[in-house]
Amino acid sequence: KKFIYLGDGSGDYCPSLKLKVGDFVMP
């Protein structure tokens, strides 16, 4: 499954690093 991750804080950086090619991060 594809992931879209939305966050704002420093704690959202680690999960952003775990996302894969084909996923999306929305900082």
mmCIF file of all heavy atoms, coordinates in Angstrom:
data_MODEL
# 
_entry.id   MODEL 
# 
loop_
_atom_site.group_PDB 
_atom_site.id 
_atom_site.type_symbol 
_atom_site.label_atom_id 
_atom_site.label_alt_id 
_atom_site.label_comp_id 
_atom_site.label_asym_id 
_atom_site.label_entity_id 
_atom_site.label_seq_id 
_atom_site.pdbx_PDB_ins_code 
_atom_site.Cartn_x 
_atom_site.Cartn_y 
_atom_site.Cartn_z 
_atom_site.occupancy 
_atom_site.B_iso_or_equiv 
_atom_site.pdbx_formal_charge 
_atom_site.auth_seq_id 
_atom_site.auth_comp_id 
_atom_site.auth_asym_id 
_atom_site.auth_atom_id 
_atom_site.pdbx_PDB_model_num 
ATOM 1   N N   . LYS A 1 1  ? 0.835  -1.202 0.000  1.00 0.00 ? 1  LYS A N   1 
ATOM 2   C CA  . LYS A 1 1  ? 0.000  0.000  0.000  1.00 0.00 ? 1  LYS A CA  1 
ATOM 3   C C   . LYS A 1 1  ? 0.873  1.257  0.000  1.00 0.00 ? 1  LYS A C   1 
ATOM 4   O O   . LYS A 1 1  ? 1.975  1.268  0.529  1.00 0.00 ? 1  LYS A O   1 
ATOM 5   C CB  . LYS A 1 1  ? -0.937 -0.003 1.209  1.00 0.00 ? 1  LYS A CB  1 
ATOM 6   C CG  . LYS A 1 1  ? -1.957 -1.123 1.159  1.00 0.00 ? 1  LYS A CG  1 
ATOM 7   C CD  . LYS A 1 1  ? -3.012 -0.985 2.235  1.00 0.00 ? 1  LYS A CD  1 
ATOM 8   C CE  . LYS A 1 1  ? -4.078 -2.086 2.101  1.00 0.00 ? 1  LYS A CE  1 
ATOM 9   N NZ  . LYS A 1 1  ? -5.136 -1.955 3.115  1.00 0.00 ? 1  LYS A NZ  1 
ATOM 10  N N   . LYS A 1 2  ? 0.357  2.303  -0.611 1.00 0.00 ? 2  LYS A N   1 
ATOM 11  C CA  . LYS A 1 2  ? 1.057  3.577  -0.637 1.00 0.00 ? 2  LYS A CA  1 
ATOM 12  C C   . LYS A 1 2  ? 0.685  4.396  0.593  1.00 0.00 ? 2  LYS A C   1 
ATOM 13  O O   . LYS A 1 2  ? -0.454 4.353  1.066  1.00 0.00 ? 2  LYS A O   1 
ATOM 14  C CB  . LYS A 1 2  ? 0.694  4.356  -1.911 1.00 0.00 ? 2  LYS A CB  1 
ATOM 15  C CG  . LYS A 1 2  ? 1.210  3.720  -3.193 1.00 0.00 ? 2  LYS A CG  1 
ATOM 16  C CD  . LYS A 1 2  ? 0.915  4.600  -4.384 1.00 0.00 ? 2  LYS A CD  1 
ATOM 17  C CE  . LYS A 1 2  ? 1.382  3.957  -5.682 1.00 0.00 ? 2  LYS A CE  1 
ATOM 18  N NZ  . LYS A 1 2  ? 2.855  3.828  -5.738 1.00 0.00 ? 2  LYS A NZ  1 
ATOM 19  N N   . PHE A 1 3  ? 1.671  5.154  1.109  1.00 0.00 ? 3  PHE A N   1 
ATOM 20  C CA  . PHE A 1 3  ? 1.473  5.964  2.296  1.00 0.00 ? 3  PHE A CA  1 
ATOM 21  C C   . PHE A 1 3  ? 1.557  7.449  1.951  1.00 0.00 ? 3  PHE A C   1 
ATOM 22  O O   . PHE A 1 3  ? 2.396  7.861  1.150  1.00 0.00 ? 3  PHE A O   1 
ATOM 23  C CB  . PHE A 1 3  ? 2.535  5.643  3.351  1.00 0.00 ? 3  PHE A CB  1 
ATOM 24  C CG  . PHE A 1 3  ? 2.293  4.367  4.115  1.00 0.00 ? 3  PHE A CG  1 
ATOM 25  C CD1 . PHE A 1 3  ? 2.416  3.132  3.491  1.00 0.00 ? 3  PHE A CD1 1 
ATOM 26  C CD2 . PHE A 1 3  ? 1.935  4.398  5.453  1.00 0.00 ? 3  PHE A CD2 1 
ATOM 27  C CE1 . PHE A 1 3  ? 2.188  1.957  4.192  1.00 0.00 ? 3  PHE A CE1 1 
ATOM 28  C CE2 . PHE A 1 3  ? 1.701  3.230  6.155  1.00 0.00 ? 3  PHE A CE2 1 
ATOM 29  C CZ  . PHE A 1 3  ? 1.835  2.000  5.530  1.00 0.00 ? 3  PHE A CZ  1 
ATOM 30  N N   . ILE A 1 4  ? 0.687  8.223  2.577  1.00 0.00 ? 4  ILE A N   1 
ATOM 31  C CA  . ILE A 1 4  ? 0.812  9.680  2.599  1.00 0.00 ? 4  ILE A CA  1 
ATOM 32  C C   . ILE A 1 4  ? 0.905  10.072 4.070  1.00 0.00 ? 4  ILE A C   1 
ATOM 33  O O   . ILE A 1 4  ? 0.007  9.750  4.854  1.00 0.00 ? 4  ILE A O   1 
ATOM 34  C CB  . ILE A 1 4  ? -0.393 10.377 1.943  1.00 0.00 ? 4  ILE A CB  1 
ATOM 35  C CG1 . ILE A 1 4  ? -0.584 9.911  0.506  1.00 0.00 ? 4  ILE A CG1 1 
ATOM 36  C CG2 . ILE A 1 4  ? -0.220 11.901 1.993  1.00 0.00 ? 4  ILE A CG2 1 
ATOM 37  C CD1 . ILE A 1 4  ? -1.843 10.474 -0.163 1.00 0.00 ? 4  ILE A CD1 1 
ATOM 38  N N   . TYR A 1 5  ? 1.991  10.731 4.449  1.00 0.00 ? 5  TYR A N   1 
ATOM 39  C CA  . TYR A 1 5  ? 2.217  11.082 5.860  1.00 0.00 ? 5  TYR A CA  1 
ATOM 40  C C   . TYR A 1 5  ? 2.217  12.597 6.012  1.00 0.00 ? 5  TYR A C   1 
ATOM 41  O O   . TYR A 1 5  ? 2.960  13.297 5.317  1.00 0.00 ? 5  TYR A O   1 
ATOM 42  C CB  . TYR A 1 5  ? 3.540  10.501 6.352  1.00 0.00 ? 5  TYR A CB  1 
ATOM 43  C CG  . TYR A 1 5  ? 3.764  10.709 7.841  1.00 0.00 ? 5  TYR A CG  1 
ATOM 44  C CD1 . TYR A 1 5  ? 3.422  9.712  8.753  1.00 0.00 ? 5  TYR A CD1 1 
ATOM 45  C CD2 . TYR A 1 5  ? 4.279  11.901 8.324  1.00 0.00 ? 5  TYR A CD2 1 
ATOM 46  C CE1 . TYR A 1 5  ? 3.593  9.911  10.110 1.00 0.00 ? 5  TYR A CE1 1 
ATOM 47  C CE2 . TYR A 1 5  ? 4.453  12.109 9.689  1.00 0.00 ? 5  TYR A CE2 1 
ATOM 48  C CZ  . TYR A 1 5  ? 4.104  11.110 10.586 1.00 0.00 ? 5  TYR A CZ  1 
ATOM 49  O OH  . TYR A 1 5  ? 4.258  11.320 11.927 1.00 0.00 ? 5  TYR A OH  1 
ATOM 50  N N   . LEU A 1 6  ? 1.399  13.103 6.941  1.00 0.00 ? 6  LEU A N   1 
ATOM 51  C CA  . LEU A 1 6  ? 1.313  14.533 7.208  1.00 0.00 ? 6  LEU A CA  1 
ATOM 52  C C   . LEU A 1 6  ? 1.772  14.839 8.623  1.00 0.00 ? 6  LEU A C   1 
ATOM 53  O O   . LEU A 1 6  ? 1.322  14.180 9.576  1.00 0.00 ? 6  LEU A O   1 
ATOM 54  C CB  . LEU A 1 6  ? -0.117 15.044 7.048  1.00 0.00 ? 6  LEU A CB  1 
ATOM 55  C CG  . LEU A 1 6  ? -0.815 14.880 5.710  1.00 0.00 ? 6  LEU A CG  1 
ATOM 56  C CD1 . LEU A 1 6  ? -1.524 13.529 5.627  1.00 0.00 ? 6  LEU A CD1 1 
ATOM 57  C CD2 . LEU A 1 6  ? -1.833 15.995 5.498  1.00 0.00 ? 6  LEU A CD2 1 
ATOM 58  N N   . GLY A 1 7  ? 2.656  15.830 8.782  1.00 0.00 ? 7  GLY A N   1 
ATOM 59  C CA  . GLY A 1 7  ? 3.102  16.202 10.112 1.00 0.00 ? 7  GLY A CA  1 
ATOM 60  C C   . GLY A 1 7  ? 3.771  17.561 10.131 1.00 0.00 ? 7  GLY A C   1 
ATOM 61  O O   . GLY A 1 7  ? 3.980  18.192 9.089  1.00 0.00 ? 7  GLY A O   1 
ATOM 62  N N   . ASP A 1 8  ? 4.122  18.010 11.329 1.00 0.00 ? 8  ASP A N   1 
ATOM 63  C CA  . ASP A 1 8  ? 4.738  19.329 11.467 1.00 0.00 ? 8  ASP A CA  1 
ATOM 64  C C   . ASP A 1 8  ? 5.973  19.326 12.361 1.00 0.00 ? 8  ASP A C   1 
ATOM 65  O O   . ASP A 1 8  ? 6.880  20.137 12.175 1.00 0.00 ? 8  ASP A O   1 
ATOM 66  C CB  . ASP A 1 8  ? 3.725  20.312 12.068 1.00 0.00 ? 8  ASP A CB  1 
ATOM 67  C CG  . ASP A 1 8  ? 3.475  20.011 13.553 1.00 0.00 ? 8  ASP A CG  1 
ATOM 68  O OD1 . ASP A 1 8  ? 2.742  19.055 13.846 1.00 0.00 ? 8  ASP A OD1 1 
ATOM 69  O OD2 . ASP A 1 8  ? 4.048  20.695 14.414 1.00 0.00 ? 8  ASP A OD2 1 
ATOM 70  N N   . GLY A 1 9  ? 6.025  18.442 13.361 1.00 0.00 ? 9  GLY A N   1 
ATOM 71  C CA  . GLY A 1 9  ? 7.044  18.548 14.391 1.00 0.00 ? 9  GLY A CA  1 
ATOM 72  C C   . GLY A 1 9  ? 8.285  17.722 14.133 1.00 0.00 ? 9  GLY A C   1 
ATOM 73  O O   . GLY A 1 9  ? 8.343  16.905 13.203 1.00 0.00 ? 9  GLY A O   1 
ATOM 74  N N   . SER A 1 10 ? 9.282  17.896 14.985 1.00 0.00 ? 10 SER A N   1 
ATOM 75  C CA  . SER A 1 10 ? 10.524 17.136 14.848 1.00 0.00 ? 10 SER A CA  1 
ATOM 76  C C   . SER A 1 10 ? 10.291 15.641 15.005 1.00 0.00 ? 10 SER A C   1 
ATOM 77  O O   . SER A 1 10 ? 11.001 14.821 14.420 1.00 0.00 ? 10 SER A O   1 
ATOM 78  C CB  . SER A 1 10 ? 11.555 17.629 15.872 1.00 0.00 ? 10 SER A CB  1 
ATOM 79  O OG  . SER A 1 10 ? 11.039 17.513 17.192 1.00 0.00 ? 10 SER A OG  1 
ATOM 80  N N   . GLY A 1 11 ? 9.266  15.262 15.762 1.00 0.00 ? 11 GLY A N   1 
ATOM 81  C CA  . GLY A 1 11 ? 8.930  13.850 15.921 1.00 0.00 ? 11 GLY A CA  1 
ATOM 82  C C   . GLY A 1 11 ? 8.392  13.214 14.657 1.00 0.00 ? 11 GLY A C   1 
ATOM 83  O O   . GLY A 1 11 ? 8.294  11.983 14.562 1.00 0.00 ? 11 GLY A O   1 
ATOM 84  N N   . ASP A 1 12 ? 8.034  14.036 13.659 1.00 0.00 ? 12 ASP A N   1 
ATOM 85  C CA  . ASP A 1 12 ? 7.534  13.511 12.388 1.00 0.00 ? 12 ASP A CA  1 
ATOM 86  C C   . ASP A 1 12 ? 8.654  13.267 11.382 1.00 0.00 ? 12 ASP A C   1 
ATOM 87  O O   . ASP A 1 12 ? 8.392  12.785 10.271 1.00 0.00 ? 12 ASP A O   1 
ATOM 88  C CB  . ASP A 1 12 ? 6.510  14.492 11.786 1.00 0.00 ? 12 ASP A CB  1 
ATOM 89  C CG  . ASP A 1 12 ? 5.286  14.640 12.672 1.00 0.00 ? 12 ASP A CG  1 
ATOM 90  O OD1 . ASP A 1 12 ? 4.686  13.603 13.013 1.00 0.00 ? 12 ASP A OD1 1 
ATOM 91  O OD2 . ASP A 1 12 ? 4.940  15.776 13.038 1.00 0.00 ? 12 ASP A OD2 1 
ATOM 92  N N   . TYR A 1 13 ? 9.894  13.592 11.766 1.00 0.00 ? 13 TYR A N   1 
ATOM 93  C CA  . TYR A 1 13 ? 11.020 13.388 10.862 1.00 0.00 ? 13 TYR A CA  1 
ATOM 94  C C   . TYR A 1 13 ? 11.374 11.906 10.739 1.00 0.00 ? 13 TYR A C   1 
ATOM 95  O O   . TYR A 1 13 ? 11.556 11.389 9.621  1.00 0.00 ? 13 TYR A O   1 
ATOM 96  C CB  . TYR A 1 13 ? 12.227 14.177 11.346 1.00 0.00 ? 13 TYR A CB  1 
ATOM 97  C CG  . TYR A 1 13 ? 13.433 14.074 10.445 1.00 0.00 ? 13 TYR A CG  1 
ATOM 98  C CD1 . TYR A 1 13 ? 13.376 14.496 9.124  1.00 0.00 ? 13 TYR A CD1 1 
ATOM 99  C CD2 . TYR A 1 13 ? 14.638 13.549 10.910 1.00 0.00 ? 13 TYR A CD2 1 
ATOM 100 C CE1 . TYR A 1 13 ? 14.472 14.404 8.282  1.00 0.00 ? 13 TYR A CE1 1 
ATOM 101 C CE2 . TYR A 1 13 ? 15.747 13.459 10.083 1.00 0.00 ? 13 TYR A CE2 1 
ATOM 102 C CZ  . TYR A 1 13 ? 15.660 13.888 8.762  1.00 0.00 ? 13 TYR A CZ  1 
ATOM 103 O OH  . TYR A 1 13 ? 16.751 13.792 7.945  1.00 0.00 ? 13 TYR A OH  1 
ATOM 104 N N   . CYS A 1 14 ? 11.446 11.199 11.851 1.00 0.00 ? 14 CYS A N   1 
ATOM 105 C CA  . CYS A 1 14 ? 11.795 9.779  11.834 1.00 0.00 ? 14 CYS A CA  1 
ATOM 106 C C   . CYS A 1 14 ? 10.836 8.971  10.964 1.00 0.00 ? 14 CYS A C   1 
ATOM 107 O O   . CYS A 1 14 ? 11.281 8.208  10.100 1.00 0.00 ? 14 CYS A O   1 
ATOM 108 C CB  . CYS A 1 14 ? 11.849 9.228  13.257 1.00 0.00 ? 14 CYS A CB  1 
ATOM 109 S SG  . CYS A 1 14 ? 12.262 7.469  13.356 1.00 0.00 ? 14 CYS A SG  1 
ATOM 110 N N   . PRO A 1 15 ? 9.513  9.104  11.112 1.00 0.00 ? 15 PRO A N   1 
ATOM 111 C CA  . PRO A 1 15 ? 8.618  8.347  10.232 1.00 0.00 ? 15 PRO A CA  1 
ATOM 112 C C   . PRO A 1 15 ? 8.740  8.757  8.768  1.00 0.00 ? 15 PRO A C   1 
ATOM 113 O O   . PRO A 1 15 ? 8.517  7.933  7.877  1.00 0.00 ? 15 PRO A O   1 
ATOM 114 C CB  . PRO A 1 15 ? 7.221  8.652  10.784 1.00 0.00 ? 15 PRO A CB  1 
ATOM 115 C CG  . PRO A 1 15 ? 7.378  9.894  11.597 1.00 0.00 ? 15 PRO A CG  1 
ATOM 116 C CD  . PRO A 1 15 ? 8.756  9.826  12.155 1.00 0.00 ? 15 PRO A CD  1 
ATOM 117 N N   . SER A 1 16 ? 9.104  10.016 8.519  1.00 0.00 ? 16 SER A N   1 
ATOM 118 C CA  . SER A 1 16 ? 9.314  10.457 7.136  1.00 0.00 ? 16 SER A CA  1 
ATOM 119 C C   . SER A 1 16 ? 10.460 9.688  6.496  1.00 0.00 ? 16 SER A C   1 
ATOM 120 O O   . SER A 1 16 ? 10.428 9.368  5.301  1.00 0.00 ? 16 SER A O   1 
ATOM 121 C CB  . SER A 1 16 ? 9.600  11.959 7.092  1.00 0.00 ? 16 SER A CB  1 
ATOM 122 O OG  . SER A 1 16 ? 8.509  12.705 7.608  1.00 0.00 ? 16 SER A OG  1 
ATOM 123 N N   . LEU A 1 17 ? 11.485 9.380  7.299  1.00 0.00 ? 17 LEU A N   1 
ATOM 124 C CA  . LEU A 1 17 ? 12.630 8.611  6.801  1.00 0.00 ? 17 LEU A CA  1 
ATOM 125 C C   . LEU A 1 17 ? 12.265 7.160  6.494  1.00 0.00 ? 17 LEU A C   1 
ATOM 126 O O   . LEU A 1 17 ? 12.956 6.493  5.716  1.00 0.00 ? 17 LEU A O   1 
ATOM 127 C CB  . LEU A 1 17 ? 13.762 8.641  7.835  1.00 0.00 ? 17 LEU A CB  1 
ATOM 128 C CG  . LEU A 1 17 ? 14.442 9.986  8.080  1.00 0.00 ? 17 LEU A CG  1 
ATOM 129 C CD1 . LEU A 1 17 ? 15.369 9.897  9.286  1.00 0.00 ? 17 LEU A CD1 1 
ATOM 130 C CD2 . LEU A 1 17 ? 15.218 10.447 6.853  1.00 0.00 ? 17 LEU A CD2 1 
ATOM 131 N N   . LYS A 1 18 ? 11.194 6.661  7.110  1.00 0.00 ? 18 LYS A N   1 
ATOM 132 C CA  . LYS A 1 18 ? 10.786 5.264  6.924  1.00 0.00 ? 18 LYS A CA  1 
ATOM 133 C C   . LYS A 1 18 ? 9.943  5.064  5.669  1.00 0.00 ? 18 LYS A C   1 
ATOM 134 O O   . LYS A 1 18 ? 9.734  3.922  5.233  1.00 0.00 ? 18 LYS A O   1 
ATOM 135 C CB  . LYS A 1 18 ? 9.995  4.778  8.138  1.00 0.00 ? 18 LYS A CB  1 
ATOM 136 C CG  . LYS A 1 18 ? 10.703 4.940  9.473  1.00 0.00 ? 18 LYS A CG  1 
ATOM 137 C CD  . LYS A 1 18 ? 11.969 4.125  9.554  1.00 0.00 ? 18 LYS A CD  1 
ATOM 138 C CE  . LYS A 1 18 ? 12.611 4.253  10.944 1.00 0.00 ? 18 LYS A CE  1 
ATOM 139 N NZ  . LYS A 1 18 ? 13.890 3.507  11.027 1.00 0.00 ? 18 LYS A NZ  1 
ATOM 140 N N   . LEU A 1 19 ? 9.432  6.149  5.095  1.00 0.00 ? 19 LEU A N   1 
ATOM 141 C CA  . LEU A 1 19 ? 8.602  6.028  3.903  1.00 0.00 ? 19 LEU A CA  1 
ATOM 142 C C   . LEU A 1 19 ? 9.439  5.566  2.711  1.00 0.00 ? 19 LEU A C   1 
ATOM 143 O O   . LEU A 1 19 ? 10.652 5.787  2.674  1.00 0.00 ? 19 LEU A O   1 
ATOM 144 C CB  . LEU A 1 19 ? 7.935  7.369  3.596  1.00 0.00 ? 19 LEU A CB  1 
ATOM 145 C CG  . LEU A 1 19 ? 7.005  7.913  4.686  1.00 0.00 ? 19 LEU A CG  1 
ATOM 146 C CD1 . LEU A 1 19 ? 6.506  9.297  4.306  1.00 0.00 ? 19 LEU A CD1 1 
ATOM 147 C CD2 . LEU A 1 19 ? 5.836  6.970  4.938  1.00 0.00 ? 19 LEU A CD2 1 
ATOM 148 N N   . LYS A 1 20 ? 8.771  4.938  1.753  1.00 0.00 ? 20 LYS A N   1 
ATOM 149 C CA  . LYS A 1 20 ? 9.473  4.301  0.638  1.00 0.00 ? 20 LYS A CA  1 
ATOM 150 C C   . LYS A 1 20 ? 9.233  5.050  -0.671 1.00 0.00 ? 20 LYS A C   1 
ATOM 151 O O   . LYS A 1 20 ? 8.393  5.951  -0.745 1.00 0.00 ? 20 LYS A O   1 
ATOM 152 C CB  . LYS A 1 20 ? 9.010  2.846  0.515  1.00 0.00 ? 20 LYS A CB  1 
ATOM 153 C CG  . LYS A 1 20 ? 9.255  2.031  1.781  1.00 0.00 ? 20 LYS A CG  1 
ATOM 154 C CD  . LYS A 1 20 ? 8.673  0.639  1.678  1.00 0.00 ? 20 LYS A CD  1 
ATOM 155 C CE  . LYS A 1 20 ? 8.903  -0.157 2.968  1.00 0.00 ? 20 LYS A CE  1 
ATOM 156 N NZ  . LYS A 1 20 ? 8.312  -1.518 2.891  1.00 0.00 ? 20 LYS A NZ  1 
ATOM 157 N N   . VAL A 1 21 ? 9.972  4.668  -1.695 1.00 0.00 ? 21 VAL A N   1 
ATOM 158 C CA  . VAL A 1 21 ? 9.735  5.203  -3.034 1.00 0.00 ? 21 VAL A CA  1 
ATOM 159 C C   . VAL A 1 21 ? 8.290  4.878  -3.429 1.00 0.00 ? 21 VAL A C   1 
ATOM 160 O O   . VAL A 1 21 ? 7.826  3.757  -3.267 1.00 0.00 ? 21 VAL A O   1 
ATOM 161 C CB  . VAL A 1 21 ? 10.721 4.585  -4.045 1.00 0.00 ? 21 VAL A CB  1 
ATOM 162 C CG1 . VAL A 1 21 ? 10.377 5.031  -5.458 1.00 0.00 ? 21 VAL A CG1 1 
ATOM 163 C CG2 . VAL A 1 21 ? 12.150 4.965  -3.692 1.00 0.00 ? 21 VAL A CG2 1 
ATOM 164 N N   . GLY A 1 22 ? 7.577  5.880  -3.921 1.00 0.00 ? 22 GLY A N   1 
ATOM 165 C CA  . GLY A 1 22 ? 6.166  5.702  -4.249 1.00 0.00 ? 22 GLY A CA  1 
ATOM 166 C C   . GLY A 1 22 ? 5.244  6.243  -3.175 1.00 0.00 ? 22 GLY A C   1 
ATOM 167 O O   . GLY A 1 22 ? 4.047  6.408  -3.407 1.00 0.00 ? 22 GLY A O   1 
ATOM 168 N N   . ASP A 1 23 ? 5.802  6.517  -1.974 1.00 0.00 ? 23 ASP A N   1 
ATOM 169 C CA  . ASP A 1 23 ? 5.037  7.148  -0.901 1.00 0.00 ? 23 ASP A CA  1 
ATOM 170 C C   . ASP A 1 23 ? 5.166  8.667  -1.011 1.00 0.00 ? 23 ASP A C   1 
ATOM 171 O O   . ASP A 1 23 ? 5.940  9.196  -1.821 1.00 0.00 ? 23 ASP A O   1 
ATOM 172 C CB  . ASP A 1 23 ? 5.552  6.687  0.469  1.00 0.00 ? 23 ASP A CB  1 
ATOM 173 C CG  . ASP A 1 23 ? 5.287  5.216  0.743  1.00 0.00 ? 23 ASP A CG  1 
ATOM 174 O OD1 . ASP A 1 23 ? 4.336  4.668  0.174  1.00 0.00 ? 23 ASP A OD1 1 
ATOM 175 O OD2 . ASP A 1 23 ? 6.046  4.622  1.536  1.00 0.00 ? 23 ASP A OD2 1 
ATOM 176 N N   . PHE A 1 24 ? 4.425  9.364  -0.140 1.00 0.00 ? 24 PHE A N   1 
ATOM 177 C CA  . PHE A 1 24 ? 4.434  10.825 -0.142 1.00 0.00 ? 24 PHE A CA  1 
ATOM 178 C C   . PHE A 1 24 ? 4.503  11.329 1.296  1.00 0.00 ? 24 PHE A C   1 
ATOM 179 O O   . PHE A 1 24 ? 3.823  10.793 2.176  1.00 0.00 ? 24 PHE A O   1 
ATOM 180 C CB  . PHE A 1 24 ? 3.169  11.372 -0.805 1.00 0.00 ? 24 PHE A CB  1 
ATOM 181 C CG  . PHE A 1 24 ? 2.990  10.906 -2.225 1.00 0.00 ? 24 PHE A CG  1 
ATOM 182 C CD1 . PHE A 1 24 ? 2.362  9.694  -2.497 1.00 0.00 ? 24 PHE A CD1 1 
ATOM 183 C CD2 . PHE A 1 24 ? 3.453  11.663 -3.281 1.00 0.00 ? 24 PHE A CD2 1 
ATOM 184 C CE1 . PHE A 1 24 ? 2.201  9.245  -3.796 1.00 0.00 ? 24 PHE A CE1 1 
ATOM 185 C CE2 . PHE A 1 24 ? 3.297  11.228 -4.586 1.00 0.00 ? 24 PHE A CE2 1 
ATOM 186 C CZ  . PHE A 1 24 ? 2.674  10.019 -4.848 1.00 0.00 ? 24 PHE A CZ  1 
ATOM 187 N N   . VAL A 1 25 ? 5.306  12.365 1.522  1.00 0.00 ? 25 VAL A N   1 
ATOM 188 C CA  . VAL A 1 25 ? 5.351  13.009 2.825  1.00 0.00 ? 25 VAL A CA  1 
ATOM 189 C C   . VAL A 1 25 ? 4.924  14.455 2.656  1.00 0.00 ? 25 VAL A C   1 
ATOM 190 O O   . VAL A 1 25 ? 5.326  15.146 1.710  1.00 0.00 ? 25 VAL A O   1 
ATOM 191 C CB  . VAL A 1 25 ? 6.755  12.912 3.474  1.00 0.00 ? 25 VAL A CB  1 
ATOM 192 C CG1 . VAL A 1 25 ? 7.828  13.567 2.612  1.00 0.00 ? 25 VAL A CG1 1 
ATOM 193 C CG2 . VAL A 1 25 ? 6.755  13.512 4.878  1.00 0.00 ? 25 VAL A CG2 1 
ATOM 194 N N   . MET A 1 26 ? 4.067  14.915 3.558  1.00 0.00 ? 26 MET A N   1 
ATOM 195 C CA  . MET A 1 26 ? 3.551  16.280 3.527  1.00 0.00 ? 26 MET A CA  1 
ATOM 196 C C   . MET A 1 26 ? 3.973  17.026 4.792  1.00 0.00 ? 26 MET A C   1 
ATOM 197 O O   . MET A 1 26 ? 3.229  17.074 5.777  1.00 0.00 ? 26 MET A O   1 
ATOM 198 C CB  . MET A 1 26 ? 2.024  16.260 3.388  1.00 0.00 ? 26 MET A CB  1 
ATOM 199 C CG  . MET A 1 26 ? 1.519  15.791 2.039  1.00 0.00 ? 26 MET A CG  1 
ATOM 200 S SD  . MET A 1 26 ? -0.300 15.736 1.956  1.00 0.00 ? 26 MET A SD  1 
ATOM 201 C CE  . MET A 1 26 ? -0.736 17.419 2.428  1.00 0.00 ? 26 MET A CE  1 
ATOM 202 N N   . PRO A 1 27 ? 5.179  17.610 4.808  1.00 0.00 ? 27 PRO A N   1 
ATOM 203 C CA  . PRO A 1 27 ? 5.622  18.387 5.969  1.00 0.00 ? 27 PRO A CA  1 
ATOM 204 C C   . PRO A 1 27 ? 5.007  19.788 5.951  1.00 0.00 ? 27 PRO A C   1 
ATOM 205 O O   . PRO A 1 27 ? 4.848  20.396 4.883  1.00 0.00 ? 27 PRO A O   1 
ATOM 206 C CB  . PRO A 1 27 ? 7.141  18.460 5.768  1.00 0.00 ? 27 PRO A CB  1 
ATOM 207 C CG  . PRO A 1 27 ? 7.323  18.419 4.288  1.00 0.00 ? 27 PRO A CG  1 
ATOM 208 C CD  . PRO A 1 27 ? 6.204  17.553 3.756  1.00 0.00 ? 27 PRO A CD  1 
# 
